[in-house]
Amino acid sequence: MAKIGKWKSDAAKAKAMRIYDSLEELQPVASTGFDVATSYGSTRVRKFGSDPRTPLVLFHPMGGNGLCWYPIIEQLAAERTVYALDTIGAPGRSEQTRPITAAADYAAWIEDALAALGLEQAHLLGYSDGAWRASMAGVHSSRRLASLTLVEPGAGIVKPSWRLLLRMIRVGVNPTPEKLRRFSAWFMPGVELSEVEIEGSLAALGYRPRTPWPAPLEDAELQSITAPTLVVYGSESVLLKDAETARARVRLIPGAEFELVPGGGHGLLFQDSHKGVVLARVFDFIAQHDQAELAH
């Protein structure tokens, strides 16, 4: 029988929630937190900004939550109204009540969340593991998508190397702050995690997920995405074994745009040296598709 994710203990959950509250204090702009009901359980949403144009909905990476965007949320919220979701079935304040047994379930969850937020149209942006989840909406339920932006999408486009997977496993076995810092320095060069982020990443290991492991999309799945799509990689990303292979895979998405940021690593969305370029590219892309909506 399919199971749902849960905390390993009440103490593990309490610790993670204390750190979650500390992350709230790091948010540089005003926001509102609330829950929306979906068929997979209650989903925690954090809303920033009040721009009247089509909003931006964010999907965080593995081990994160909707507060992990604080290094760039000021820039995002100055441009758009932003909704940052805590992924269902992951360590955060969302409460899973129904099993997620297939990748398509994430598309159904996203559809439920957008409907509960009253969003007929939204620009979706997913980073790393979150990009894979966001892409499920493109494959299975794209009617509410004004656009889809996938930053360093990991398994969604290309298969991660065994080297990366082994390093992740080593960190997960007897994790310590120092092991996590060393892994982060290799995985996301140029991005220095705060003490709260280190503590939060370790606390997230107290959650036992019961969800599908991300896997590369089949060619037919990529070809089925109809939403305007932008895929962004850093040229030095440890996820990117071969840029031309990734580019060829992205070409399977009708009309998709591929951006390779010179010198960028996996953390390019948060690197001081690259985030300005990446955000400008994202803002330009979604603005073009606002104009496309108005033209219709």
Protein backbone atom coordinates (compact mmCIF):
# COMPACT_ATOMS: atom_id res chain seq x y z
CA MET A 1 0.00 0.00 0.00
CA ALA A 2 1.36 3.43 -0.96
CA LYS A 3 2.56 5.57 1.93
CA ILE A 4 2.84 9.30 2.51
CA GLY A 5 5.87 11.26 3.69
CA LYS A 6 6.30 11.88 7.38
CA TRP A 7 8.76 13.14 9.97
CA LYS A 8 10.92 10.52 11.65
CA SER A 9 9.86 11.82 15.05
CA ASP A 10 7.97 14.66 16.71
CA ALA A 11 11.31 16.04 17.87
CA ALA A 12 12.66 16.08 14.29
CA LYS A 13 9.60 17.98 13.11
CA ALA A 14 9.75 20.47 15.98
CA LYS A 15 13.42 21.20 15.27
CA ALA A 16 12.76 21.71 11.55
CA MET A 17 9.86 24.04 12.25
CA ARG A 18 11.98 26.17 14.59
CA ILE A 19 14.53 26.59 11.81
CA TYR A 20 11.70 27.29 9.35
CA ASP A 21 10.61 30.16 11.58
CA SER A 22 14.19 31.47 11.57
CA LEU A 23 14.16 31.45 7.77
CA GLU A 24 11.03 33.63 7.87
CA GLU A 25 13.06 36.26 9.69
CA LEU A 26 15.58 36.36 6.82
CA GLN A 27 12.98 37.43 4.26
CA PRO A 28 13.99 40.94 3.10
CA VAL A 29 10.51 42.00 1.96
CA ALA A 30 7.05 41.77 3.47
CA SER A 31 5.09 38.61 2.75
CA THR A 32 2.02 36.68 3.77
CA GLY A 33 1.98 32.97 4.60
CA PHE A 34 -1.15 30.86 4.31
CA ASP A 35 -2.36 27.38 3.40
CA VAL A 36 -4.43 26.21 0.44
CA ALA A 37 -6.25 22.90 0.15
CA THR A 38 -5.29 20.43 -2.60
CA SER A 39 -6.31 16.83 -3.19
CA TYR A 40 -2.86 15.77 -1.89
CA GLY A 41 -3.05 17.77 1.32
CA SER A 42 -2.67 21.28 2.67
CA THR A 43 -0.03 23.34 0.84
CA ARG A 44 1.82 26.22 2.48
CA VAL A 45 2.16 29.29 0.26
CA ARG A 46 4.19 32.44 0.81
CA LYS A 47 3.01 35.48 -1.18
CA PHE A 48 5.32 38.40 -1.99
CA GLY A 49 4.58 41.60 -3.90
CA SER A 50 1.43 42.97 -5.54
CA ASP A 51 2.18 43.50 -9.23
CA PRO A 52 -1.07 43.20 -11.26
CA ARG A 53 0.45 41.23 -14.12
CA THR A 54 0.48 37.44 -14.41
CA PRO A 55 2.19 36.17 -11.23
CA LEU A 56 5.26 34.01 -10.81
CA VAL A 57 5.01 30.70 -8.94
CA LEU A 58 8.21 29.20 -7.51
CA PHE A 59 9.19 25.55 -6.93
CA HIS A 60 12.15 25.00 -4.63
CA PRO A 61 14.96 22.41 -4.79
CA MET A 62 15.35 19.22 -2.79
CA GLY A 63 15.62 19.78 0.94
CA GLY A 64 14.39 23.36 0.65
CA ASN A 65 11.06 25.08 1.14
CA GLY A 66 9.23 28.19 -0.03
CA LEU A 67 11.45 30.43 2.11
CA CYS A 68 14.73 29.40 0.45
CA TRP A 69 14.38 32.15 -2.18
CA TYR A 70 15.27 34.94 0.26
CA PRO A 71 18.59 35.89 -1.47
CA ILE A 72 16.67 36.88 -4.65
CA ILE A 73 13.08 37.36 -3.52
CA GLU A 74 13.43 41.14 -3.37
CA GLN A 75 14.30 41.28 -7.07
CA LEU A 76 11.55 38.81 -7.96
CA ALA A 77 8.86 40.58 -5.93
CA ALA A 78 9.83 43.96 -7.39
CA GLU A 79 9.00 42.55 -10.82
CA ARG A 80 5.99 40.30 -10.11
CA THR A 81 3.60 39.06 -7.49
CA VAL A 82 5.32 35.88 -6.34
CA TYR A 83 3.86 32.74 -4.81
CA ALA A 84 6.46 30.40 -3.27
CA LEU A 85 5.10 26.93 -2.48
CA ASP A 86 6.32 24.33 0.00
CA THR A 87 6.37 21.15 -2.07
CA ILE A 88 3.86 18.55 -0.94
CA GLY A 89 5.53 15.42 0.42
CA ALA A 90 8.73 17.32 1.30
CA PRO A 91 10.12 18.83 4.53
CA GLY A 92 8.22 22.06 5.04
CA ARG A 93 4.85 23.25 6.31
CA SER A 94 2.75 21.50 3.66
CA GLU A 95 0.90 18.49 5.08
CA GLN A 96 0.60 15.51 2.74
CA THR A 97 -2.55 13.39 3.13
CA ARG A 98 -2.59 11.41 -0.12
CA PRO A 99 0.20 9.31 -1.67
CA ILE A 100 2.21 10.63 -4.62
CA THR A 101 3.04 7.53 -6.63
CA ALA A 102 3.77 8.92 -10.10
CA ALA A 103 5.32 12.04 -11.60
CA ALA A 104 1.92 13.02 -13.01
CA ASP A 105 0.66 13.43 -9.44
CA TYR A 106 2.83 16.53 -9.15
CA ALA A 107 1.04 18.02 -12.15
CA ALA A 108 -2.30 17.36 -10.45
CA TRP A 109 -1.01 18.94 -7.23
CA ILE A 110 0.20 22.04 -9.09
CA GLU A 111 -3.14 22.33 -10.90
CA ASP A 112 -4.96 22.08 -7.56
CA ALA A 113 -2.71 24.71 -5.96
CA LEU A 114 -3.06 27.19 -8.84
CA ALA A 115 -6.83 26.71 -8.83
CA ALA A 116 -6.98 27.23 -5.06
CA LEU A 117 -4.99 30.46 -5.49
CA GLY A 118 -7.48 31.59 -8.14
CA LEU A 119 -4.78 31.80 -10.83
CA GLU A 120 -6.11 31.27 -14.33
CA GLN A 121 -2.61 31.96 -15.67
CA ALA A 122 0.79 31.81 -13.99
CA HIS A 123 4.45 31.81 -14.93
CA LEU A 124 6.14 28.80 -13.30
CA LEU A 125 9.79 28.83 -12.29
CA GLY A 126 11.47 25.73 -10.88
CA TYR A 127 15.05 25.42 -9.73
CA SER A 128 17.05 22.16 -9.62
CA ASP A 129 14.79 19.39 -8.28
CA GLY A 130 11.93 21.90 -8.29
CA ALA A 131 12.35 22.36 -12.04
CA TRP A 132 11.57 18.69 -12.56
CA ARG A 133 8.34 19.07 -10.60
CA ALA A 134 7.38 22.24 -12.44
CA SER A 135 7.97 20.48 -15.75
CA MET A 136 5.31 17.92 -14.81
CA ALA A 137 2.72 20.67 -15.16
CA GLY A 138 4.00 21.31 -18.66
CA VAL A 139 3.75 17.64 -19.59
CA HIS A 140 0.43 16.76 -17.95
CA SER A 141 -1.59 19.90 -17.22
CA SER A 142 -0.47 23.05 -19.00
CA ARG A 143 -3.70 25.03 -19.42
CA ARG A 144 -2.86 27.50 -16.63
CA LEU A 145 0.77 27.98 -17.69
CA ALA A 146 1.66 31.34 -19.22
CA SER A 147 5.27 30.12 -19.33
CA LEU A 148 7.62 27.57 -17.82
CA THR A 149 11.18 28.41 -16.73
CA LEU A 150 13.49 25.57 -15.69
CA VAL A 151 16.76 26.65 -14.05
CA GLU A 152 19.39 23.91 -13.69
CA PRO A 153 16.67 21.26 -14.06
CA GLY A 154 18.79 18.29 -13.06
CA ALA A 155 17.18 14.98 -13.87
CA GLY A 156 14.38 16.48 -15.97
CA ILE A 157 16.57 17.10 -19.01
CA VAL A 158 19.76 15.11 -18.46
CA LYS A 159 20.55 12.14 -16.25
CA PRO A 160 22.75 13.05 -13.25
CA SER A 161 26.17 11.42 -13.13
CA TRP A 162 26.89 8.59 -10.71
CA ARG A 163 29.62 10.81 -9.27
CA LEU A 164 27.02 13.34 -8.18
CA LEU A 165 24.66 10.71 -6.78
CA LEU A 166 27.46 9.06 -4.80
CA ARG A 167 28.52 12.38 -3.30
CA MET A 168 24.93 13.09 -2.29
CA ILE A 169 24.69 9.68 -0.63
CA ARG A 170 27.95 10.25 1.26
CA VAL A 171 26.60 13.53 2.64
CA GLY A 172 23.39 11.83 3.71
CA VAL A 173 25.25 9.15 5.67
CA ASN A 174 26.13 10.58 9.08
CA PRO A 175 25.64 14.19 7.90
CA THR A 176 27.52 17.01 9.59
CA PRO A 177 27.65 20.77 8.96
CA GLU A 178 31.22 20.46 7.67
CA LYS A 179 30.33 17.67 5.20
CA LEU A 180 27.42 19.75 3.94
CA ARG A 181 29.62 22.84 3.50
CA ARG A 182 32.19 20.83 1.50
CA PHE A 183 29.48 19.36 -0.70
CA SER A 184 27.88 22.76 -1.25
CA ALA A 185 31.25 24.32 -2.19
CA TRP A 186 31.64 21.67 -4.88
CA PHE A 187 28.00 21.54 -5.99
CA MET A 188 27.25 25.28 -5.87
CA PRO A 189 30.57 27.16 -6.11
CA GLY A 190 30.26 30.86 -5.41
CA VAL A 191 27.24 30.40 -3.12
CA GLU A 192 27.90 30.45 0.62
CA LEU A 193 25.14 28.92 2.69
CA SER A 194 24.10 30.76 5.85
CA GLU A 195 24.14 28.98 9.21
CA VAL A 196 20.35 28.81 9.14
CA GLU A 197 20.43 27.16 5.71
CA ILE A 198 22.99 24.61 6.91
CA GLU A 199 20.83 23.84 9.94
CA GLY A 200 17.72 23.67 7.77
CA SER A 201 19.32 21.26 5.30
CA LEU A 202 20.37 18.96 8.12
CA ALA A 203 16.95 19.18 9.77
CA ALA A 204 15.29 18.31 6.45
CA LEU A 205 16.93 14.89 6.69
CA GLY A 206 14.56 14.24 9.59
CA TYR A 207 11.75 13.91 7.04
CA ARG A 208 11.11 10.59 5.31
CA PRO A 209 9.68 11.30 1.83
CA ARG A 210 7.59 8.74 -0.04
CA THR A 211 7.64 10.20 -3.54
CA PRO A 212 9.02 9.21 -6.97
CA TRP A 213 12.68 9.90 -7.62
CA PRO A 214 13.14 12.46 -10.44
CA ALA A 215 13.95 10.89 -13.80
CA PRO A 216 14.71 12.35 -17.24
CA LEU A 217 11.61 13.06 -19.28
CA GLU A 218 11.00 10.82 -22.27
CA ASP A 219 11.32 12.40 -25.72
CA ALA A 220 7.54 12.20 -26.16
CA GLU A 221 7.01 13.96 -22.83
CA LEU A 222 9.28 16.83 -23.84
CA GLN A 223 7.48 17.07 -27.19
CA SER A 224 4.12 17.29 -25.37
CA ILE A 225 5.00 20.51 -23.52
CA THR A 226 3.03 23.33 -25.13
CA ALA A 227 3.76 26.17 -22.69
CA PRO A 228 6.49 28.63 -23.74
CA THR A 229 9.60 27.20 -22.10
CA LEU A 230 13.00 28.57 -21.10
CA VAL A 231 15.75 26.23 -19.86
CA VAL A 232 18.82 27.76 -18.19
CA TYR A 233 22.09 26.02 -17.31
CA GLY A 234 25.46 27.22 -16.09
CA SER A 235 28.28 26.18 -18.40
CA GLU A 236 30.27 24.87 -15.41
CA SER A 237 27.38 23.08 -13.72
CA VAL A 238 28.16 19.66 -12.27
CA LEU A 239 24.79 18.55 -13.69
CA LEU A 240 25.84 19.30 -17.24
CA LYS A 241 28.04 16.55 -18.60
CA ASP A 242 27.50 17.68 -22.19
CA ALA A 243 25.90 21.01 -23.06
CA GLU A 244 25.08 19.97 -26.62
CA THR A 245 23.19 16.90 -25.41
CA ALA A 246 21.13 19.11 -23.09
CA ARG A 247 20.54 21.60 -25.90
CA ALA A 248 19.35 18.81 -28.21
CA ARG A 249 16.97 17.53 -25.55
CA VAL A 250 15.53 21.00 -24.99
CA ARG A 251 14.95 21.35 -28.76
CA LEU A 252 12.36 18.57 -28.43
CA ILE A 253 10.13 21.04 -26.56
CA PRO A 254 8.27 23.01 -29.25
CA GLY A 255 9.68 26.53 -29.44
CA ALA A 256 11.74 26.17 -26.26
CA GLU A 257 14.65 28.51 -25.57
CA PHE A 258 17.99 27.27 -24.20
CA GLU A 259 20.32 29.57 -22.28
CA LEU A 260 23.85 28.54 -21.32
CA VAL A 261 25.37 31.04 -18.87
CA PRO A 262 29.18 31.20 -19.28
CA GLY A 263 31.02 30.39 -16.06
CA GLY A 264 27.84 29.65 -14.11
CA GLY A 265 27.60 26.69 -11.77
CA HIS A 266 24.58 24.90 -10.35
CA GLY A 267 23.98 27.81 -7.99
CA LEU A 268 23.98 30.44 -10.74
CA LEU A 269 20.54 31.71 -9.69
CA PHE A 270 22.09 32.73 -6.35
CA GLN A 271 25.68 33.52 -7.38
CA ASP A 272 26.41 37.25 -7.07
CA SER A 273 28.43 37.05 -10.28
CA HIS A 274 25.60 35.52 -12.34
CA LYS A 275 22.19 36.03 -10.74
CA GLY A 276 21.69 39.46 -12.33
CA VAL A 277 22.15 38.00 -15.82
CA VAL A 278 19.87 35.04 -15.07
CA LEU A 279 17.09 37.14 -13.53
CA ALA A 280 17.19 39.64 -16.40
CA ARG A 281 16.84 36.76 -18.85
CA VAL A 282 13.92 35.29 -16.89
CA PHE A 283 12.12 38.64 -16.57
CA ASP A 284 12.51 39.32 -20.29
CA PHE A 285 11.19 35.86 -21.15
CA ILE A 286 8.08 36.05 -19.00
CA ALA A 287 7.35 39.62 -20.10
CA GLN A 288 7.30 38.47 -23.72
CA HIS A 289 4.63 35.94 -22.84
CA ASP A 290 2.57 38.47 -20.96
CA GLN A 291 2.50 40.36 -24.24
CA ALA A 292 1.50 37.20 -26.07
CA GLU A 293 -1.47 36.83 -23.67
CA LEU A 294 -2.57 40.42 -24.29
CA ALA A 295 -2.32 39.88 -28.05
CA HIS A 296 -4.94 37.15 -27.78
